[in-house]
């Protein structure tokens, strides 16, 4: 679990929109890939899935006015889920500061 200070601050709705419009390009350029990414947003939680490589939600973001908390859900995956988490954290640090 990683915590990022929500300096902007980003609301769950705004972050959800940013993820849908910008995160795929960001992570695919970092990885040199073309991953399909799915997002699920309920209240102040966003789940991120990479259905081609990981079954079920891979990452979760909990959003408050003060911080964003990223939790790796795909701990038993054969795919390098930690690398996906690292790039999500980099993306969120850019957006929240």
PDB file of N, CA and C in Angstrom:
ATOM      1  N   UNK A   1       0.851  -1.170   0.000  1.00  0.00           N
ATOM      2  CA  UNK A   1       0.000   0.000   0.000  1.00  0.00           C
ATOM      3  C   UNK A   1       0.897   1.233   0.000  1.00  0.00           C
ATOM      4  N   UNK A   2       0.565   2.168  -0.864  1.00  0.00           N
ATOM      5  CA  UNK A   2       1.315   3.406  -0.986  1.00  0.00           C
ATOM      6  C   UNK A   2       0.371   4.587  -0.840  1.00  0.00           C
ATOM      7  N   UNK A   3       0.812   5.601  -0.092  1.00  0.00           N
ATOM      8  CA  UNK A   3      -0.004   6.801   0.117  1.00  0.00           C
ATOM      9  C   UNK A   3       0.659   7.982  -0.579  1.00  0.00           C
ATOM     10  N   UNK A   4      -0.156   8.760  -1.284  1.00  0.00           N
ATOM     11  CA  UNK A   4       0.304   9.947  -2.008  1.00  0.00           C
ATOM     12  C   UNK A   4      -0.502  11.132  -1.492  1.00  0.00           C
ATOM     13  N   UNK A   5       0.175  12.212  -1.143  1.00  0.00           N
ATOM     14  CA  UNK A   5      -0.531  13.412  -0.681  1.00  0.00           C
ATOM     15  C   UNK A   5      -1.353  13.984  -1.831  1.00  0.00           C
ATOM     16  N   UNK A   6      -2.596  14.290  -1.549  1.00  0.00           N
ATOM     17  CA  UNK A   6      -3.536  14.813  -2.540  1.00  0.00           C
ATOM     18  C   UNK A   6      -3.493  16.342  -2.492  1.00  0.00           C
ATOM     19  N   UNK A   7      -2.442  16.928  -3.031  1.00  0.00           N
ATOM     20  CA  UNK A   7      -2.196  18.364  -2.933  1.00  0.00           C
ATOM     21  C   UNK A   7      -3.175  19.178  -3.780  1.00  0.00           C
ATOM     22  N   UNK A   8      -3.576  18.676  -4.946  1.00  0.00           N
ATOM     23  CA  UNK A   8      -4.418  19.448  -5.881  1.00  0.00           C
ATOM     24  C   UNK A   8      -5.704  19.999  -5.247  1.00  0.00           C
ATOM     25  N   UNK A   9      -6.566  19.422  -4.546  1.00  0.00           N
ATOM     26  CA  UNK A   9      -6.830  17.996  -4.386  1.00  0.00           C
ATOM     27  C   UNK A   9      -7.677  17.443  -5.523  1.00  0.00           C
ATOM     28  N   UNK A  10      -7.513  16.173  -5.804  1.00  0.00           N
ATOM     29  CA  UNK A  10      -8.290  15.489  -6.829  1.00  0.00           C
ATOM     30  C   UNK A  10      -9.496  14.819  -6.184  1.00  0.00           C
ATOM     31  N   UNK A  11     -10.648  15.021  -6.762  1.00  0.00           N
ATOM     32  CA  UNK A  11     -11.832  14.291  -6.311  1.00  0.00           C
ATOM     33  C   UNK A  11     -11.829  12.932  -7.007  1.00  0.00           C
ATOM     34  N   UNK A  12     -12.624  12.020  -6.506  1.00  0.00           N
ATOM     35  CA  UNK A  12     -12.711  10.694  -7.127  1.00  0.00           C
ATOM     36  C   UNK A  12     -13.210  10.802  -8.568  1.00  0.00           C
ATOM     37  N   UNK A  13     -14.174  11.697  -8.800  1.00  0.00           N
ATOM     38  CA  UNK A  13     -14.724  11.865 -10.142  1.00  0.00           C
ATOM     39  C   UNK A  13     -13.677  12.417 -11.109  1.00  0.00           C
ATOM     40  N   UNK A  14     -12.936  13.434 -10.660  1.00  0.00           N
ATOM     41  CA  UNK A  14     -11.914  14.028 -11.517  1.00  0.00           C
ATOM     42  C   UNK A  14     -10.799  13.020 -11.801  1.00  0.00           C
ATOM     43  N   UNK A  15     -10.376  12.281 -10.783  1.00  0.00           N
ATOM     44  CA  UNK A  15      -9.332  11.285 -10.982  1.00  0.00           C
ATOM     45  C   UNK A  15      -9.811  10.182 -11.917  1.00  0.00           C
ATOM     46  N   UNK A  16     -11.044   9.760 -11.768  1.00  0.00           N
ATOM     47  CA  UNK A  16     -11.606   8.738 -12.652  1.00  0.00           C
ATOM     48  C   UNK A  16     -11.548   9.205 -14.104  1.00  0.00           C
ATOM     49  N   UNK A  17     -11.932  10.452 -14.359  1.00  0.00           N
ATOM     50  CA  UNK A  17     -11.861  11.011 -15.714  1.00  0.00           C
ATOM     51  C   UNK A  17     -10.421  11.077 -16.216  1.00  0.00           C
ATOM     52  N   UNK A  18      -9.487  11.502 -15.359  1.00  0.00           N
ATOM     53  CA  UNK A  18      -8.075  11.548 -15.751  1.00  0.00           C
ATOM     54  C   UNK A  18      -7.538  10.170 -16.092  1.00  0.00           C
ATOM     55  N   UNK A  19      -7.888   9.196 -15.297  1.00  0.00           N
ATOM     56  CA  UNK A  19      -7.443   7.827 -15.573  1.00  0.00           C
ATOM     57  C   UNK A  19      -7.974   7.352 -16.919  1.00  0.00           C
ATOM     58  N   UNK A  20      -9.264   7.563 -17.159  1.00  0.00           N
ATOM     59  CA  UNK A  20      -9.872   7.100 -18.417  1.00  0.00           C
ATOM     60  C   UNK A  20      -9.271   7.781 -19.634  1.00  0.00           C
ATOM     61  N   UNK A  21      -8.891   9.049 -19.515  1.00  0.00           N
ATOM     62  CA  UNK A  21      -8.399   9.784 -20.680  1.00  0.00           C
ATOM     63  C   UNK A  21      -6.882   9.755 -20.843  1.00  0.00           C
ATOM     64  N   UNK A  22      -6.129   9.568 -19.750  1.00  0.00           N
ATOM     65  CA  UNK A  22      -4.679   9.743 -19.851  1.00  0.00           C
ATOM     66  C   UNK A  22      -3.825   8.578 -19.373  1.00  0.00           C
ATOM     67  N   UNK A  23      -4.337   7.745 -18.482  1.00  0.00           N
ATOM     68  CA  UNK A  23      -3.483   6.725 -17.881  1.00  0.00           C
ATOM     69  C   UNK A  23      -3.031   5.660 -18.876  1.00  0.00           C
ATOM     70  N   UNK A  24      -3.913   5.226 -19.758  1.00  0.00           N
ATOM     71  CA  UNK A  24      -3.531   4.185 -20.729  1.00  0.00           C
ATOM     72  C   UNK A  24      -2.352   4.645 -21.585  1.00  0.00           C
ATOM     73  N   UNK A  25      -2.416   5.873 -22.096  1.00  0.00           N
ATOM     74  CA  UNK A  25      -1.302   6.399 -22.897  1.00  0.00           C
ATOM     75  C   UNK A  25      -0.029   6.481 -22.068  1.00  0.00           C
ATOM     76  N   UNK A  26      -0.156   6.911 -20.823  1.00  0.00           N
ATOM     77  CA  UNK A  26       0.997   7.056 -19.931  1.00  0.00           C
ATOM     78  C   UNK A  26       1.676   5.708 -19.703  1.00  0.00           C
ATOM     79  N   UNK A  27       0.926   4.721 -19.259  1.00  0.00           N
ATOM     80  CA  UNK A  27       1.537   3.437 -18.914  1.00  0.00           C
ATOM     81  C   UNK A  27       1.998   2.673 -20.155  1.00  0.00           C
ATOM     82  N   UNK A  28       1.236   2.762 -21.233  1.00  0.00           N
ATOM     83  CA  UNK A  28       1.648   2.062 -22.445  1.00  0.00           C
ATOM     84  C   UNK A  28       2.921   2.659 -23.040  1.00  0.00           C
ATOM     85  N   UNK A  29       3.101   3.974 -22.908  1.00  0.00           N
ATOM     86  CA  UNK A  29       4.349   4.573 -23.388  1.00  0.00           C
ATOM     87  C   UNK A  29       5.521   4.167 -22.498  1.00  0.00           C
ATOM     88  N   UNK A  30       5.295   4.031 -21.193  1.00  0.00           N
ATOM     89  CA  UNK A  30       6.350   3.605 -20.267  1.00  0.00           C
ATOM     90  C   UNK A  30       6.759   2.160 -20.514  1.00  0.00           C
ATOM     91  N   UNK A  31       5.775   1.313 -20.823  1.00  0.00           N
ATOM     92  CA  UNK A  31       6.036  -0.117 -20.986  1.00  0.00           C
ATOM     93  C   UNK A  31       6.288  -0.526 -22.433  1.00  0.00           C
ATOM     94  N   UNK A  32       6.034   0.381 -23.365  1.00  0.00           N
ATOM     95  CA  UNK A  32       6.157   0.023 -24.781  1.00  0.00           C
ATOM     96  C   UNK A  32       5.153  -1.062 -25.149  1.00  0.00           C
ATOM     97  N   UNK A  33       3.941  -0.919 -24.644  1.00  0.00           N
ATOM     98  CA  UNK A  33       2.919  -1.944 -24.844  1.00  0.00           C
ATOM     99  C   UNK A  33       1.617  -1.316 -25.305  1.00  0.00           C
ATOM    100  N   UNK A  34       0.591  -2.143 -25.344  1.00  0.00           N
ATOM    101  CA  UNK A  34      -0.749  -1.680 -25.702  1.00  0.00           C
ATOM    102  C   UNK A  34      -1.770  -2.420 -24.833  1.00  0.00           C
ATOM    103  N   UNK A  35      -1.618  -2.275 -23.514  1.00  0.00           N
ATOM    104  CA  UNK A  35      -2.500  -2.949 -22.567  1.00  0.00           C
ATOM    105  C   UNK A  35      -3.908  -2.374 -22.601  1.00  0.00           C
ATOM    106  N   UNK A  36      -4.879  -3.256 -22.532  1.00  0.00           N
ATOM    107  CA  UNK A  36      -6.262  -2.818 -22.336  1.00  0.00           C
ATOM    108  C   UNK A  36      -6.448  -2.580 -20.836  1.00  0.00           C
ATOM    109  N   UNK A  37      -7.115  -1.492 -20.499  1.00  0.00           N
ATOM    110  CA  UNK A  37      -7.309  -1.142 -19.093  1.00  0.00           C
ATOM    111  C   UNK A  37      -8.786  -0.855 -18.864  1.00  0.00           C
ATOM    112  N   UNK A  38      -9.308  -1.392 -17.759  1.00  0.00           N
ATOM    113  CA  UNK A  38     -10.698  -1.138 -17.378  1.00  0.00           C
ATOM    114  C   UNK A  38     -10.715  -0.488 -16.001  1.00  0.00           C
ATOM    115  N   UNK A  39     -11.702   0.376 -15.788  1.00  0.00           N
ATOM    116  CA  UNK A  39     -11.825   1.118 -14.538  1.00  0.00           C
ATOM    117  C   UNK A  39     -13.221   0.922 -13.964  1.00  0.00           C
ATOM    118  N   UNK A  40     -13.305   0.826 -12.649  1.00  0.00           N
ATOM    119  CA  UNK A  40     -14.587   0.768 -11.948  1.00  0.00           C
ATOM    120  C   UNK A  40     -14.530   1.784 -10.818  1.00  0.00           C
ATOM    121  N   UNK A  41     -15.527   2.662 -10.774  1.00  0.00           N
ATOM    122  CA  UNK A  41     -15.547   3.747  -9.783  1.00  0.00           C
ATOM    123  C   UNK A  41     -16.808   3.651  -8.947  1.00  0.00           C
ATOM    124  N   UNK A  42     -16.620   3.500  -7.647  1.00  0.00           N
ATOM    125  CA  UNK A  42     -17.747   3.500  -6.702  1.00  0.00           C
ATOM    126  C   UNK A  42     -17.359   4.392  -5.537  1.00  0.00           C
ATOM    127  N   UNK A  43     -18.127   5.448  -5.346  1.00  0.00           N
ATOM    128  CA  UNK A  43     -17.919   6.425  -4.284  1.00  0.00           C
ATOM    129  C   UNK A  43     -16.482   6.940  -4.327  1.00  0.00           C
ATOM    130  N   UNK A  44     -15.654   6.712  -3.327  1.00  0.00           N
ATOM    131  CA  UNK A  44     -14.271   7.222  -3.306  1.00  0.00           C
ATOM    132  C   UNK A  44     -13.241   6.126  -3.548  1.00  0.00           C
ATOM    133  N   UNK A  45     -13.624   5.109  -4.304  1.00  0.00           N
ATOM    134  CA  UNK A  45     -12.734   3.996  -4.633  1.00  0.00           C
ATOM    135  C   UNK A  45     -12.730   3.797  -6.144  1.00  0.00           C
ATOM    136  N   UNK A  46     -11.549   3.540  -6.685  1.00  0.00           N
ATOM    137  CA  UNK A  46     -11.414   3.223  -8.104  1.00  0.00           C
ATOM    138  C   UNK A  46     -10.594   1.939  -8.208  1.00  0.00           C
ATOM    139  N   UNK A  47     -11.146   0.944  -8.905  1.00  0.00           N
ATOM    140  CA  UNK A  47     -10.414  -0.276  -9.199  1.00  0.00           C
ATOM    141  C   UNK A  47      -9.919  -0.218 -10.633  1.00  0.00           C
ATOM    142  N   UNK A  48      -8.709  -0.704 -10.841  1.00  0.00           N
ATOM    143  CA  UNK A  48      -8.124  -0.726 -12.173  1.00  0.00           C
ATOM    144  C   UNK A  48      -7.813  -2.175 -12.522  1.00  0.00           C
ATOM    145  N   UNK A  49      -8.251  -2.591 -13.713  1.00  0.00           N
ATOM    146  CA  UNK A  49      -8.040  -3.951 -14.181  1.00  0.00           C
ATOM    147  C   UNK A  49      -7.284  -3.939 -15.498  1.00  0.00           C
ATOM    148  N   UNK A  50      -6.494  -4.966 -15.684  1.00  0.00           N
ATOM    149  CA  UNK A  50      -5.763  -5.205 -16.921  1.00  0.00           C
ATOM    150  C   UNK A  50      -6.186  -6.592 -17.402  1.00  0.00           C
ATOM    151  N   UNK A  51      -7.380  -6.701 -18.016  1.00  0.00           N
ATOM    152  CA  UNK A  51      -7.999  -8.005 -18.269  1.00  0.00           C
ATOM    153  C   UNK A  51      -7.196  -8.940 -19.173  1.00  0.00           C
ATOM    154  N   UNK A  52      -6.330  -8.420 -19.998  1.00  0.00           N
ATOM    155  CA  UNK A  52      -5.539  -9.276 -20.878  1.00  0.00           C
ATOM    156  C   UNK A  52      -4.448 -10.033 -20.132  1.00  0.00           C
ATOM    157  N   UNK A  53      -3.999  -9.493 -18.993  1.00  0.00           N
ATOM    158  CA  UNK A  53      -2.856 -10.101 -18.308  1.00  0.00           C
ATOM    159  C   UNK A  53      -3.124 -10.500 -16.858  1.00  0.00           C
ATOM    160  N   UNK A  54      -4.161  -9.934 -16.227  1.00  0.00           N
ATOM    161  CA  UNK A  54      -4.469 -10.234 -14.824  1.00  0.00           C
ATOM    162  C   UNK A  54      -5.978 -10.407 -14.687  1.00  0.00           C
ATOM    163  N   UNK A  55      -6.376 -11.506 -14.074  1.00  0.00           N
ATOM    164  CA  UNK A  55      -7.795 -11.755 -13.858  1.00  0.00           C
ATOM    165  C   UNK A  55      -8.282 -10.963 -12.646  1.00  0.00           C
ATOM    166  N   UNK A  56      -9.366 -10.223 -12.810  1.00  0.00           N
ATOM    167  CA  UNK A  56      -9.939  -9.440 -11.719  1.00  0.00           C
ATOM    168  C   UNK A  56      -9.223  -8.114 -11.529  1.00  0.00           C
ATOM    169  N   UNK A  57      -9.662  -7.323 -10.560  1.00  0.00           N
ATOM    170  CA  UNK A  57      -9.033  -6.019 -10.298  1.00  0.00           C
ATOM    171  C   UNK A  57      -7.571  -6.201  -9.872  1.00  0.00           C
ATOM    172  N   UNK A  58      -6.702  -5.381 -10.426  1.00  0.00           N
ATOM    173  CA  UNK A  58      -5.273  -5.455 -10.108  1.00  0.00           C
ATOM    174  C   UNK A  58      -4.874  -4.431  -9.058  1.00  0.00           C
ATOM    175  N   UNK A  59      -5.463  -3.237  -9.149  1.00  0.00           N
ATOM    176  CA  UNK A  59      -5.085  -2.132  -8.264  1.00  0.00           C
ATOM    177  C   UNK A  59      -6.332  -1.413  -7.772  1.00  0.00           C
ATOM    178  N   UNK A  60      -6.229  -0.837  -6.586  1.00  0.00           N
ATOM    179  CA  UNK A  60      -7.309  -0.046  -6.026  1.00  0.00           C
ATOM    180  C   UNK A  60      -6.744   1.298  -5.585  1.00  0.00           C
ATOM    181  N   UNK A  61      -7.515   2.352  -5.825  1.00  0.00           N
ATOM    182  CA  UNK A  61      -7.156   3.682  -5.332  1.00  0.00           C
ATOM    183  C   UNK A  61      -8.286   4.146  -4.423  1.00  0.00           C
ATOM    184  N   UNK A  62      -7.947   4.481  -3.186  1.00  0.00           N
ATOM    185  CA  UNK A  62      -8.894   5.080  -2.246  1.00  0.00           C
ATOM    186  C   UNK A  62      -8.577   6.573  -2.197  1.00  0.00           C
ATOM    187  N   UNK A  63      -9.586   7.404  -2.403  1.00  0.00           N
ATOM    188  CA  UNK A  63      -9.388   8.852  -2.532  1.00  0.00           C
ATOM    189  C   UNK A  63     -10.028   9.572  -1.358  1.00  0.00           C
ATOM    190  N   UNK A  64      -9.256  10.452  -0.707  1.00  0.00           N
ATOM    191  CA  UNK A  64      -9.784  11.375   0.294  1.00  0.00           C
ATOM    192  C   UNK A  64      -9.307  12.769  -0.096  1.00  0.00           C
ATOM    193  N   UNK A  65      -9.753  13.780   0.629  1.00  0.00           N
ATOM    194  CA  UNK A  65      -9.306  15.146   0.359  1.00  0.00           C
ATOM    195  C   UNK A  65      -7.818  15.315   0.657  1.00  0.00           C
ATOM    196  N   UNK A  66      -7.274  14.451   1.487  1.00  0.00           N
ATOM    197  CA  UNK A  66      -5.900  14.585   1.965  1.00  0.00           C
ATOM    198  C   UNK A  66      -4.923  13.690   1.229  1.00  0.00           C
ATOM    199  N   UNK A  67      -5.380  12.480   0.818  1.00  0.00           N
ATOM    200  CA  UNK A  67      -4.438  11.535   0.226  1.00  0.00           C
ATOM    201  C   UNK A  67      -5.108  10.568  -0.732  1.00  0.00           C
ATOM    202  N   UNK A  68      -4.257   9.959  -1.560  1.00  0.00           N
ATOM    203  CA  UNK A  68      -4.638   8.861  -2.432  1.00  0.00           C
ATOM    204  C   UNK A  68      -3.886   7.641  -1.920  1.00  0.00           C
ATOM    205  N   UNK A  69      -4.580   6.534  -1.738  1.00  0.00           N
ATOM    206  CA  UNK A  69      -3.932   5.313  -1.257  1.00  0.00           C
ATOM    207  C   UNK A  69      -4.062   4.245  -2.328  1.00  0.00           C
ATOM    208  N   UNK A  70      -2.927   3.754  -2.804  1.00  0.00           N
ATOM    209  CA  UNK A  70      -2.887   2.727  -3.834  1.00  0.00           C
ATOM    210  C   UNK A  70      -2.615   1.383  -3.159  1.00  0.00           C
ATOM    211  N   UNK A  71      -3.448   0.397  -3.478  1.00  0.00           N
ATOM    212  CA  UNK A  71      -3.288  -0.945  -2.938  1.00  0.00           C
ATOM    213  C   UNK A  71      -3.198  -1.937  -4.090  1.00  0.00           C
ATOM    214  N   UNK A  72      -2.197  -2.782  -4.048  1.00  0.00           N
ATOM    215  CA  UNK A  72      -2.034  -3.841  -5.036  1.00  0.00           C
ATOM    216  C   UNK A  72      -2.949  -4.995  -4.659  1.00  0.00           C
ATOM    217  N   UNK A  73      -3.891  -5.327  -5.534  1.00  0.00           N
ATOM    218  CA  UNK A  73      -4.839  -6.409  -5.268  1.00  0.00           C
ATOM    219  C   UNK A  73      -4.384  -7.726  -5.896  1.00  0.00           C
ATOM    220  N   UNK A  74      -3.620  -7.641  -6.975  1.00  0.00           N
ATOM    221  CA  UNK A  74      -3.196  -8.825  -7.730  1.00  0.00           C
ATOM    222  C   UNK A  74      -1.863  -9.353  -7.204  1.00  0.00           C
ATOM    223  N   UNK A  75      -1.842  -9.754  -5.954  1.00  0.00           N
ATOM    224  CA  UNK A  75      -0.586 -10.196  -5.341  1.00  0.00           C
ATOM    225  C   UNK A  75      -0.165 -11.589  -5.798  1.00  0.00           C
ATOM    226  N   UNK A  76      -1.096 -12.382  -6.304  1.00  0.00           N
ATOM    227  CA  UNK A  76      -0.794 -13.750  -6.743  1.00  0.00           C
ATOM    228  C   UNK A  76      -0.687 -13.870  -8.257  1.00  0.00           C
ATOM    229  N   UNK A  77      -0.524 -12.777  -8.955  1.00  0.00           N
ATOM    230  CA  UNK A  77      -0.506 -12.775 -10.415  1.00  0.00           C
ATOM    231  C   UNK A  77       0.836 -13.259 -10.962  1.00  0.00           C
ATOM    232  N   UNK A  78       0.782 -13.929 -12.121  1.00  0.00           N
ATOM    233  CA  UNK A  78       2.003 -14.317 -12.825  1.00  0.00           C
ATOM    234  C   UNK A  78       2.616 -13.107 -13.527  1.00  0.00           C
ATOM    235  N   UNK A  79       1.796 -12.107 -13.826  1.00  0.00           N
ATOM    236  CA  UNK A  79       2.263 -10.879 -14.471  1.00  0.00           C
ATOM    237  C   UNK A  79       2.902  -9.972 -13.424  1.00  0.00           C
ATOM    238  N   UNK A  80       3.812  -9.131 -13.834  1.00  0.00           N
ATOM    239  CA  UNK A  80       4.514  -8.232 -12.914  1.00  0.00           C
ATOM    240  C   UNK A  80       3.589  -7.081 -12.494  1.00  0.00           C
ATOM    241  N   UNK A  81       2.688  -7.379 -11.580  1.00  0.00           N
ATOM    242  CA  UNK A  81       1.716  -6.390 -11.114  1.00  0.00           C
ATOM    243  C   UNK A  81       2.395  -5.250 -10.356  1.00  0.00           C
ATOM    244  N   UNK A  82       3.537  -5.522  -9.747  1.00  0.00           N
ATOM    245  CA  UNK A  82       4.266  -4.466  -9.032  1.00  0.00           C
ATOM    246  C   UNK A  82       4.729  -3.377  -9.992  1.00  0.00           C
ATOM    247  N   UNK A  83       5.078  -3.760 -11.212  1.00  0.00           N
ATOM    248  CA  UNK A  83       5.476  -2.778 -12.220  1.00  0.00           C
ATOM    249  C   UNK A  83       4.288  -1.897 -12.600  1.00  0.00           C
ATOM    250  N   UNK A  84       3.121  -2.482 -12.733  1.00  0.00           N
ATOM    251  CA  UNK A  84       1.911  -1.703 -13.022  1.00  0.00           C
ATOM    252  C   UNK A  84       1.617  -0.740 -11.875  1.00  0.00           C
ATOM    253  N   UNK A  85       1.783  -1.223 -10.656  1.00  0.00           N
ATOM    254  CA  UNK A  85       1.568  -0.376  -9.481  1.00  0.00           C
ATOM    255  C   UNK A  85       2.556   0.791  -9.470  1.00  0.00           C
ATOM    256  N   UNK A  86       3.802   0.516  -9.778  1.00  0.00           N
ATOM    257  CA  UNK A  86       4.836   1.560  -9.811  1.00  0.00           C
ATOM    258  C   UNK A  86       4.485   2.663 -10.806  1.00  0.00           C
ATOM    259  N   UNK A  87       4.007   2.279 -11.982  1.00  0.00           N
ATOM    260  CA  UNK A  87       3.654   3.279 -12.991  1.00  0.00           C
ATOM    261  C   UNK A  87       2.380   4.031 -12.618  1.00  0.00           C
ATOM    262  N   UNK A  88       1.438   3.358 -11.970  1.00  0.00           N
ATOM    263  CA  UNK A  88       0.243   4.058 -11.496  1.00  0.00           C
ATOM    264  C   UNK A  88       0.628   5.106 -10.463  1.00  0.00           C
ATOM    265  N   UNK A  89       1.514   4.754  -9.551  1.00  0.00           N
ATOM    266  CA  UNK A  89       1.959   5.703  -8.527  1.00  0.00           C
ATOM    267  C   UNK A  89       2.650   6.899  -9.175  1.00  0.00           C
ATOM    268  N   UNK A  90       3.497   6.664 -10.162  1.00  0.00           N
ATOM    269  CA  UNK A  90       4.145   7.766 -10.887  1.00  0.00           C
ATOM    270  C   UNK A  90       3.125   8.685 -11.537  1.00  0.00           C
ATOM    271  N   UNK A  91       2.110   8.106 -12.170  1.00  0.00           N
ATOM    272  CA  UNK A  91       1.057   8.884 -12.803  1.00  0.00           C
ATOM    273  C   UNK A  91       0.300   9.711 -11.763  1.00  0.00           C
ATOM    274  N   UNK A  92      -0.059   9.085 -10.636  1.00  0.00           N
ATOM    275  CA  UNK A  92      -0.813   9.784  -9.604  1.00  0.00           C
ATOM    276  C   UNK A  92       0.005  10.907  -8.958  1.00  0.00           C
ATOM    277  N   UNK A  93       1.291  10.678  -8.765  1.00  0.00           N
ATOM    278  CA  UNK A  93       2.143  11.730  -8.194  1.00  0.00           C
ATOM    279  C   UNK A  93       2.181  12.946  -9.110  1.00  0.00           C
ATOM    280  N   UNK A  94       2.211  12.734 -10.417  1.00  0.00           N
ATOM    281  CA  UNK A  94       2.172  13.863 -11.372  1.00  0.00           C
ATOM    282  C   UNK A  94       0.854  14.613 -11.283  1.00  0.00           C
ATOM    283  N   UNK A  95      -0.243  13.878 -11.159  1.00  0.00           N
ATOM    284  CA  UNK A  95      -1.574  14.493 -11.176  1.00  0.00           C
ATOM    285  C   UNK A  95      -1.926  15.174  -9.852  1.00  0.00           C
ATOM    286  N   UNK A  96      -1.455  14.631  -8.740  1.00  0.00           N
ATOM    287  CA  UNK A  96      -1.881  15.129  -7.423  1.00  0.00           C
ATOM    288  C   UNK A  96      -0.999  16.242  -6.889  1.00  0.00           C
ATOM    289  N   UNK A  97       0.165  16.477  -7.505  1.00  0.00           N
ATOM    290  CA  UNK A  97       1.048  17.525  -6.955  1.00  0.00           C
ATOM    291  C   UNK A  97       1.104  18.741  -7.823  1.00  0.00           C
TER     292      UNK A  97
END
